[in-house]
């Protein structure tokens, strides 16, 4: 069985293109083919425990088949209060932790957890081993900066910051920027990105002159289904961008 080995050209400012929302109806063979041709891709799976099997939320059997072939190219986005309760209780499904990056969309739409609980989630997730992605928006900015700047320097490379002012609703920001207080951290950008504007977004982000990644979900869907053709169009545009 072919297992793809990860090889990312690190001399490129856009180090990863993270595409979110594949689910049980997504053909794994198509993802494998795209990964072989576009090795900077990262396939991000949503984990919302009470929604497994719904659109954007693959069931465990599909996830396990995915991780068996594409674990090196994966991330998992934890969403919803139950996912974070499982994290705090140490009961996350084992396959979730096969992903190299774990994104913590905690309190994204409503404040289910106190500030101290959020900081505990951040710390426990980092201790699990994967790199963690913190969803940075006006409501989370101060807490993320507090946690990130208190992180020992030996672990700071594993704390990544996703600039997502729309909190996963697919709205583009007025301006792409790097948070000044988090100058040394690896930063990604999300919000309103898709095949129709990917080149313009890449040009705007490249002006910042920092290695980064881009993330999208709604922009690569058709009729609320993951669209592999749109994903391919984005990956091709990113590969051609100089």
C-alpha atoms as a PDB file:
ATOM      1  CA  UNK A   1       0.000   0.000   0.000  1.00  0.00           C
ATOM      2  CA  UNK A   2       1.327   3.387  -0.990  1.00  0.00           C
ATOM      3  CA  UNK A   3       1.897   5.731   1.926  1.00  0.00           C
ATOM      4  CA  UNK A   4       2.797   9.271   0.871  1.00  0.00           C
ATOM      5  CA  UNK A   5       5.723  10.843   2.676  1.00  0.00           C
ATOM      6  CA  UNK A   6       5.461  14.517   3.444  1.00  0.00           C
ATOM      7  CA  UNK A   7       7.833  16.876   1.656  1.00  0.00           C
ATOM      8  CA  UNK A   8       7.083  20.596   1.865  1.00  0.00           C
ATOM      9  CA  UNK A   9       9.284  23.130   0.031  1.00  0.00           C
ATOM     10  CA  UNK A  10      10.116  25.340   2.995  1.00  0.00           C
ATOM     11  CA  UNK A  11      11.513  28.151   0.842  1.00  0.00           C
ATOM     12  CA  UNK A  12       7.968  29.146  -0.126  1.00  0.00           C
ATOM     13  CA  UNK A  13       6.211  31.799   1.984  1.00  0.00           C
ATOM     14  CA  UNK A  14       2.925  29.872   1.790  1.00  0.00           C
ATOM     15  CA  UNK A  15       4.053  26.715   3.541  1.00  0.00           C
ATOM     16  CA  UNK A  16       0.685  25.001   3.752  1.00  0.00           C
ATOM     17  CA  UNK A  17      -2.716  25.152   2.135  1.00  0.00           C
ATOM     18  CA  UNK A  18      -5.198  23.823   4.673  1.00  0.00           C
ATOM     19  CA  UNK A  19      -8.488  22.609   3.204  1.00  0.00           C
ATOM     20  CA  UNK A  20     -11.254  21.794   5.664  1.00  0.00           C
ATOM     21  CA  UNK A  21     -14.440  19.783   5.466  1.00  0.00           C
ATOM     22  CA  UNK A  22     -13.876  16.406   3.800  1.00  0.00           C
ATOM     23  CA  UNK A  23     -16.329  13.819   5.116  1.00  0.00           C
ATOM     24  CA  UNK A  24     -17.719  10.315   4.557  1.00  0.00           C
ATOM     25  CA  UNK A  25     -18.830  11.224   1.021  1.00  0.00           C
ATOM     26  CA  UNK A  26     -15.376  12.407  -0.022  1.00  0.00           C
ATOM     27  CA  UNK A  27     -13.444   9.924  -2.149  1.00  0.00           C
ATOM     28  CA  UNK A  28     -10.228   9.138  -0.321  1.00  0.00           C
ATOM     29  CA  UNK A  29      -8.537   8.187  -3.596  1.00  0.00           C
ATOM     30  CA  UNK A  30      -9.061  11.748  -4.861  1.00  0.00           C
ATOM     31  CA  UNK A  31      -7.404  13.201  -1.763  1.00  0.00           C
ATOM     32  CA  UNK A  32      -4.466  10.820  -2.161  1.00  0.00           C
ATOM     33  CA  UNK A  33      -4.035  11.849  -5.797  1.00  0.00           C
ATOM     34  CA  UNK A  34      -4.165  15.570  -4.986  1.00  0.00           C
ATOM     35  CA  UNK A  35      -1.690  15.120  -2.144  1.00  0.00           C
ATOM     36  CA  UNK A  36       0.797  13.405  -4.431  1.00  0.00           C
ATOM     37  CA  UNK A  37       0.589  16.341  -6.847  1.00  0.00           C
ATOM     38  CA  UNK A  38       0.376  19.159  -4.289  1.00  0.00           C
ATOM     39  CA  UNK A  39       2.471  18.196  -1.233  1.00  0.00           C
ATOM     40  CA  UNK A  40       1.837  21.464   0.590  1.00  0.00           C
ATOM     41  CA  UNK A  41      -1.788  20.486   1.174  1.00  0.00           C
ATOM     42  CA  UNK A  42      -3.149  19.879   4.643  1.00  0.00           C
ATOM     43  CA  UNK A  43      -6.518  18.127   4.887  1.00  0.00           C
ATOM     44  CA  UNK A  44      -8.289  19.406   7.998  1.00  0.00           C
ATOM     45  CA  UNK A  45     -11.068  17.253   9.437  1.00  0.00           C
ATOM     46  CA  UNK A  46     -13.744  18.644  11.715  1.00  0.00           C
ATOM     47  CA  UNK A  47     -14.390  16.810  14.965  1.00  0.00           C
ATOM     48  CA  UNK A  48     -17.782  17.707  16.410  1.00  0.00           C
ATOM     49  CA  UNK A  49     -18.741  14.659  18.501  1.00  0.00           C
ATOM     50  CA  UNK A  50     -22.534  15.083  18.343  1.00  0.00           C
ATOM     51  CA  UNK A  51     -22.448  15.656  14.547  1.00  0.00           C
ATOM     52  CA  UNK A  52     -20.391  12.697  13.328  1.00  0.00           C
ATOM     53  CA  UNK A  53     -21.729  11.520   9.965  1.00  0.00           C
ATOM     54  CA  UNK A  54     -23.271  14.885   9.097  1.00  0.00           C
ATOM     55  CA  UNK A  55     -21.827  16.998   6.257  1.00  0.00           C
ATOM     56  CA  UNK A  56     -18.263  18.161   7.094  1.00  0.00           C
ATOM     57  CA  UNK A  57     -18.089  15.662   9.988  1.00  0.00           C
ATOM     58  CA  UNK A  58     -16.635  12.275   9.039  1.00  0.00           C
ATOM     59  CA  UNK A  59     -17.350   9.222  11.136  1.00  0.00           C
ATOM     60  CA  UNK A  60     -14.549   7.366  12.881  1.00  0.00           C
ATOM     61  CA  UNK A  61     -14.285   4.572  10.281  1.00  0.00           C
ATOM     62  CA  UNK A  62     -13.688   7.120   7.502  1.00  0.00           C
ATOM     63  CA  UNK A  63     -11.222   9.049   9.659  1.00  0.00           C
ATOM     64  CA  UNK A  64      -9.232   5.911  10.407  1.00  0.00           C
ATOM     65  CA  UNK A  65      -9.012   5.027   6.695  1.00  0.00           C
ATOM     66  CA  UNK A  66      -7.932   8.605   6.006  1.00  0.00           C
ATOM     67  CA  UNK A  67      -5.238   8.629   8.697  1.00  0.00           C
ATOM     68  CA  UNK A  68      -3.876   5.293   7.474  1.00  0.00           C
ATOM     69  CA  UNK A  69      -2.899   6.986   4.209  1.00  0.00           C
ATOM     70  CA  UNK A  70      -2.701  10.716   4.841  1.00  0.00           C
ATOM     71  CA  UNK A  71      -1.924  11.283   8.508  1.00  0.00           C
ATOM     72  CA  UNK A  72       1.195  13.323   7.685  1.00  0.00           C
ATOM     73  CA  UNK A  73      -0.952  15.754   5.712  1.00  0.00           C
ATOM     74  CA  UNK A  74      -3.704  16.214   8.238  1.00  0.00           C
ATOM     75  CA  UNK A  75      -5.097  18.444  10.936  1.00  0.00           C
ATOM     76  CA  UNK A  76      -8.144  18.096  13.153  1.00  0.00           C
ATOM     77  CA  UNK A  77     -10.324  21.015  14.189  1.00  0.00           C
ATOM     78  CA  UNK A  78     -12.049  20.507  17.542  1.00  0.00           C
ATOM     79  CA  UNK A  79     -15.427  22.259  17.671  1.00  0.00           C
ATOM     80  CA  UNK A  80     -18.264  22.310  20.171  1.00  0.00           C
ATOM     81  CA  UNK A  81     -18.316  22.059  23.949  1.00  0.00           C
ATOM     82  CA  UNK A  82     -18.358  18.237  24.019  1.00  0.00           C
ATOM     83  CA  UNK A  83     -15.052  17.994  22.123  1.00  0.00           C
ATOM     84  CA  UNK A  84     -13.341  20.166  24.714  1.00  0.00           C
ATOM     85  CA  UNK A  85     -14.948  18.315  27.591  1.00  0.00           C
ATOM     86  CA  UNK A  86     -13.465  15.131  26.111  1.00  0.00           C
ATOM     87  CA  UNK A  87     -10.081  16.807  25.842  1.00  0.00           C
ATOM     88  CA  UNK A  88     -10.189  17.893  29.484  1.00  0.00           C
ATOM     89  CA  UNK A  89     -11.303  14.414  30.565  1.00  0.00           C
ATOM     90  CA  UNK A  90      -8.698  12.639  28.443  1.00  0.00           C
ATOM     91  CA  UNK A  91     -11.341  10.834  26.385  1.00  0.00           C
ATOM     92  CA  UNK A  92     -10.737  12.151  22.862  1.00  0.00           C
ATOM     93  CA  UNK A  93     -10.816   9.278  20.335  1.00  0.00           C
ATOM     94  CA  UNK A  94      -7.296   7.959  19.763  1.00  0.00           C
ATOM     95  CA  UNK A  95      -7.420   8.559  16.013  1.00  0.00           C
ATOM     96  CA  UNK A  96      -7.876  12.314  16.541  1.00  0.00           C
ATOM     97  CA  UNK A  97      -4.361  12.519  17.965  1.00  0.00           C
ATOM     98  CA  UNK A  98      -2.813  11.039  14.808  1.00  0.00           C
ATOM     99  CA  UNK A  99      -3.021  14.480  13.199  1.00  0.00           C
ATOM    100  CA  UNK A 100       0.140  16.610  13.419  1.00  0.00           C
ATOM    101  CA  UNK A 101      -1.938  19.722  14.178  1.00  0.00           C
ATOM    102  CA  UNK A 102      -4.934  20.212  16.443  1.00  0.00           C
ATOM    103  CA  UNK A 103      -7.004  23.369  16.019  1.00  0.00           C
ATOM    104  CA  UNK A 104      -8.964  24.535  19.058  1.00  0.00           C
ATOM    105  CA  UNK A 105     -12.114  26.393  18.011  1.00  0.00           C
ATOM    106  CA  UNK A 106     -13.158  26.930  21.621  1.00  0.00           C
ATOM    107  CA  UNK A 107     -15.734  29.616  22.493  1.00  0.00           C
ATOM    108  CA  UNK A 108     -15.853  30.418  18.770  1.00  0.00           C
ATOM    109  CA  UNK A 109     -19.557  31.271  18.665  1.00  0.00           C
ATOM    110  CA  UNK A 110     -20.563  31.377  22.351  1.00  0.00           C
ATOM    111  CA  UNK A 111     -18.704  31.418  25.683  1.00  0.00           C
ATOM    112  CA  UNK A 112     -19.122  27.804  26.865  1.00  0.00           C
ATOM    113  CA  UNK A 113     -15.932  27.952  28.943  1.00  0.00           C
ATOM    114  CA  UNK A 114     -14.355  30.453  31.331  1.00  0.00           C
ATOM    115  CA  UNK A 115     -11.008  32.067  30.556  1.00  0.00           C
ATOM    116  CA  UNK A 116      -9.251  29.745  32.981  1.00  0.00           C
ATOM    117  CA  UNK A 117     -10.861  26.701  31.368  1.00  0.00           C
ATOM    118  CA  UNK A 118      -9.796  27.914  27.938  1.00  0.00           C
ATOM    119  CA  UNK A 119      -6.219  28.326  29.127  1.00  0.00           C
ATOM    120  CA  UNK A 120      -6.416  24.803  30.584  1.00  0.00           C
ATOM    121  CA  UNK A 121      -7.625  23.471  27.224  1.00  0.00           C
ATOM    122  CA  UNK A 122      -4.739  25.181  25.445  1.00  0.00           C
ATOM    123  CA  UNK A 123      -2.193  23.751  27.893  1.00  0.00           C
ATOM    124  CA  UNK A 124      -3.600  20.232  27.871  1.00  0.00           C
ATOM    125  CA  UNK A 125      -3.810  20.159  24.083  1.00  0.00           C
ATOM    126  CA  UNK A 126      -0.180  21.243  23.801  1.00  0.00           C
ATOM    127  CA  UNK A 127       0.819  18.520  26.278  1.00  0.00           C
ATOM    128  CA  UNK A 128      -0.853  15.866  24.096  1.00  0.00           C
ATOM    129  CA  UNK A 129       1.910  16.227  21.507  1.00  0.00           C
ATOM    130  CA  UNK A 130       0.481  17.695  18.286  1.00  0.00           C
ATOM    131  CA  UNK A 131       1.115  21.277  17.290  1.00  0.00           C
ATOM    132  CA  UNK A 132      -1.866  23.385  18.297  1.00  0.00           C
ATOM    133  CA  UNK A 133      -3.678  26.058  16.317  1.00  0.00           C
ATOM    134  CA  UNK A 134      -5.417  28.843  18.225  1.00  0.00           C
ATOM    135  CA  UNK A 135      -8.273  30.627  16.447  1.00  0.00           C
ATOM    136  CA  UNK A 136      -7.456  34.326  16.821  1.00  0.00           C
ATOM    137  CA  UNK A 137     -10.313  36.832  16.632  1.00  0.00           C
ATOM    138  CA  UNK A 138     -11.306  39.912  18.638  1.00  0.00           C
ATOM    139  CA  UNK A 139     -12.934  37.841  21.383  1.00  0.00           C
ATOM    140  CA  UNK A 140      -9.967  35.452  21.788  1.00  0.00           C
ATOM    141  CA  UNK A 141      -7.001  37.724  21.045  1.00  0.00           C
ATOM    142  CA  UNK A 142      -6.108  38.761  24.595  1.00  0.00           C
ATOM    143  CA  UNK A 143      -6.333  35.227  25.981  1.00  0.00           C
ATOM    144  CA  UNK A 144      -4.308  33.744  23.123  1.00  0.00           C
ATOM    145  CA  UNK A 145      -1.593  36.366  23.571  1.00  0.00           C
ATOM    146  CA  UNK A 146      -1.541  35.675  27.303  1.00  0.00           C
ATOM    147  CA  UNK A 147      -1.100  31.939  26.717  1.00  0.00           C
ATOM    148  CA  UNK A 148       1.327  32.166  23.808  1.00  0.00           C
ATOM    149  CA  UNK A 149       3.663  34.635  25.507  1.00  0.00           C
ATOM    150  CA  UNK A 150       3.697  32.507  28.672  1.00  0.00           C
ATOM    151  CA  UNK A 151       4.592  29.364  26.710  1.00  0.00           C
ATOM    152  CA  UNK A 152       8.208  28.254  27.279  1.00  0.00           C
ATOM    153  CA  UNK A 153      10.409  29.121  24.324  1.00  0.00           C
ATOM    154  CA  UNK A 154      11.117  25.427  23.755  1.00  0.00           C
ATOM    155  CA  UNK A 155       7.423  24.884  22.924  1.00  0.00           C
ATOM    156  CA  UNK A 156       6.607  28.049  21.004  1.00  0.00           C
ATOM    157  CA  UNK A 157       7.232  26.430  17.620  1.00  0.00           C
ATOM    158  CA  UNK A 158       4.268  24.167  18.375  1.00  0.00           C
ATOM    159  CA  UNK A 159       1.852  27.037  19.037  1.00  0.00           C
ATOM    160  CA  UNK A 160       0.335  28.298  15.784  1.00  0.00           C
ATOM    161  CA  UNK A 161      -2.059  31.230  15.369  1.00  0.00           C
ATOM    162  CA  UNK A 162      -4.908  31.302  12.844  1.00  0.00           C
ATOM    163  CA  UNK A 163      -6.106  34.809  12.023  1.00  0.00           C
ATOM    164  CA  UNK A 164      -9.850  34.232  11.634  1.00  0.00           C
ATOM    165  CA  UNK A 165     -11.816  37.336  12.530  1.00  0.00           C
ATOM    166  CA  UNK A 166     -15.034  35.808  11.165  1.00  0.00           C
ATOM    167  CA  UNK A 167     -14.738  32.793  13.531  1.00  0.00           C
ATOM    168  CA  UNK A 168     -15.303  30.220  10.827  1.00  0.00           C
ATOM    169  CA  UNK A 169     -18.136  31.997   9.003  1.00  0.00           C
ATOM    170  CA  UNK A 170     -16.156  32.501   5.787  1.00  0.00           C
ATOM    171  CA  UNK A 171     -16.030  36.306   5.806  1.00  0.00           C
ATOM    172  CA  UNK A 172     -12.859  38.031   4.618  1.00  0.00           C
ATOM    173  CA  UNK A 173     -11.175  40.586   6.890  1.00  0.00           C
ATOM    174  CA  UNK A 174     -10.722  44.157   5.797  1.00  0.00           C
ATOM    175  CA  UNK A 175      -6.964  43.639   5.973  1.00  0.00           C
ATOM    176  CA  UNK A 176      -4.603  40.684   6.373  1.00  0.00           C
ATOM    177  CA  UNK A 177      -2.165  41.275   9.208  1.00  0.00           C
ATOM    178  CA  UNK A 178       0.234  39.610  11.627  1.00  0.00           C
ATOM    179  CA  UNK A 179      -0.447  40.296  15.333  1.00  0.00           C
ATOM    180  CA  UNK A 180       2.363  42.500  16.593  1.00  0.00           C
ATOM    181  CA  UNK A 181       2.714  40.832  19.990  1.00  0.00           C
ATOM    182  CA  UNK A 182       3.038  37.388  18.383  1.00  0.00           C
ATOM    183  CA  UNK A 183       5.868  38.276  16.051  1.00  0.00           C
ATOM    184  CA  UNK A 184       7.751  34.999  16.516  1.00  0.00           C
ATOM    185  CA  UNK A 185       4.785  32.639  16.048  1.00  0.00           C
ATOM    186  CA  UNK A 186       3.719  30.752  12.915  1.00  0.00           C
ATOM    187  CA  UNK A 187       0.546  32.448  11.648  1.00  0.00           C
ATOM    188  CA  UNK A 188      -2.148  31.355   9.205  1.00  0.00           C
ATOM    189  CA  UNK A 189      -5.020  33.195   7.528  1.00  0.00           C
ATOM    190  CA  UNK A 190      -8.678  32.284   7.015  1.00  0.00           C
ATOM    191  CA  UNK A 191     -11.842  34.030   5.941  1.00  0.00           C
ATOM    192  CA  UNK A 192     -13.557  34.219   2.573  1.00  0.00           C
ATOM    193  CA  UNK A 193     -10.812  32.444   0.596  1.00  0.00           C
ATOM    194  CA  UNK A 194     -11.717  30.308  -2.427  1.00  0.00           C
ATOM    195  CA  UNK A 195     -10.806  29.547  -6.043  1.00  0.00           C
ATOM    196  CA  UNK A 196     -12.119  32.882  -7.297  1.00  0.00           C
ATOM    197  CA  UNK A 197      -9.838  35.045  -5.138  1.00  0.00           C
ATOM    198  CA  UNK A 198      -6.980  32.786  -4.072  1.00  0.00           C
ATOM    199  CA  UNK A 199      -4.344  34.543  -6.198  1.00  0.00           C
ATOM    200  CA  UNK A 200      -5.289  37.998  -4.903  1.00  0.00           C
ATOM    201  CA  UNK A 201      -5.252  36.741  -1.306  1.00  0.00           C
ATOM    202  CA  UNK A 202      -1.837  35.160  -1.793  1.00  0.00           C
ATOM    203  CA  UNK A 203      -0.499  38.420  -3.208  1.00  0.00           C
ATOM    204  CA  UNK A 204      -1.836  40.383  -0.229  1.00  0.00           C
ATOM    205  CA  UNK A 205      -0.480  37.927   2.330  1.00  0.00           C
ATOM    206  CA  UNK A 206       2.899  37.637   0.604  1.00  0.00           C
ATOM    207  CA  UNK A 207       3.404  41.376   1.121  1.00  0.00           C
ATOM    208  CA  UNK A 208       3.720  40.628   4.832  1.00  0.00           C
ATOM    209  CA  UNK A 209       6.902  38.714   4.010  1.00  0.00           C
ATOM    210  CA  UNK A 210       6.418  35.915   6.561  1.00  0.00           C
ATOM    211  CA  UNK A 211       6.102  32.145   6.178  1.00  0.00           C
ATOM    212  CA  UNK A 212       2.462  31.270   6.814  1.00  0.00           C
ATOM    213  CA  UNK A 213      -0.425  29.057   5.807  1.00  0.00           C
ATOM    214  CA  UNK A 214      -3.906  29.675   4.446  1.00  0.00           C
ATOM    215  CA  UNK A 215      -7.083  27.911   5.514  1.00  0.00           C
ATOM    216  CA  UNK A 216     -10.482  27.600   3.906  1.00  0.00           C
ATOM    217  CA  UNK A 217     -13.685  25.630   4.292  1.00  0.00           C
ATOM    218  CA  UNK A 218     -16.809  27.240   2.832  1.00  0.00           C
ATOM    219  CA  UNK A 219     -14.910  28.399  -0.272  1.00  0.00           C
ATOM    220  CA  UNK A 220     -14.282  24.818  -1.390  1.00  0.00           C
ATOM    221  CA  UNK A 221     -17.854  23.570  -1.051  1.00  0.00           C
ATOM    222  CA  UNK A 222     -20.738  23.188  -3.507  1.00  0.00           C
ATOM    223  CA  UNK A 223     -24.273  22.579  -2.228  1.00  0.00           C
ATOM    224  CA  UNK A 224     -22.776  22.185   1.250  1.00  0.00           C
ATOM    225  CA  UNK A 225     -20.546  19.326   0.089  1.00  0.00           C
ATOM    226  CA  UNK A 226     -16.762  19.234  -0.070  1.00  0.00           C
ATOM    227  CA  UNK A 227     -15.852  19.934  -3.712  1.00  0.00           C
ATOM    228  CA  UNK A 228     -12.614  18.246  -4.769  1.00  0.00           C
ATOM    229  CA  UNK A 229     -12.553  20.216  -8.025  1.00  0.00           C
ATOM    230  CA  UNK A 230     -12.556  23.500  -6.117  1.00  0.00           C
ATOM    231  CA  UNK A 231      -9.896  22.116  -3.796  1.00  0.00           C
ATOM    232  CA  UNK A 232      -7.758  21.239  -6.810  1.00  0.00           C
ATOM    233  CA  UNK A 233      -8.221  24.714  -8.292  1.00  0.00           C
ATOM    234  CA  UNK A 234      -6.989  26.292  -5.042  1.00  0.00           C
ATOM    235  CA  UNK A 235      -4.008  23.947  -4.790  1.00  0.00           C
ATOM    236  CA  UNK A 236      -3.050  24.583  -8.423  1.00  0.00           C
ATOM    237  CA  UNK A 237      -3.210  28.351  -7.951  1.00  0.00           C
ATOM    238  CA  UNK A 238      -1.064  28.144  -4.824  1.00  0.00           C
ATOM    239  CA  UNK A 239       1.478  25.933  -6.604  1.00  0.00           C
ATOM    240  CA  UNK A 240       1.718  28.409  -9.479  1.00  0.00           C
ATOM    241  CA  UNK A 241       2.004  31.456  -7.236  1.00  0.00           C
ATOM    242  CA  UNK A 242       5.441  33.078  -7.077  1.00  0.00           C
END
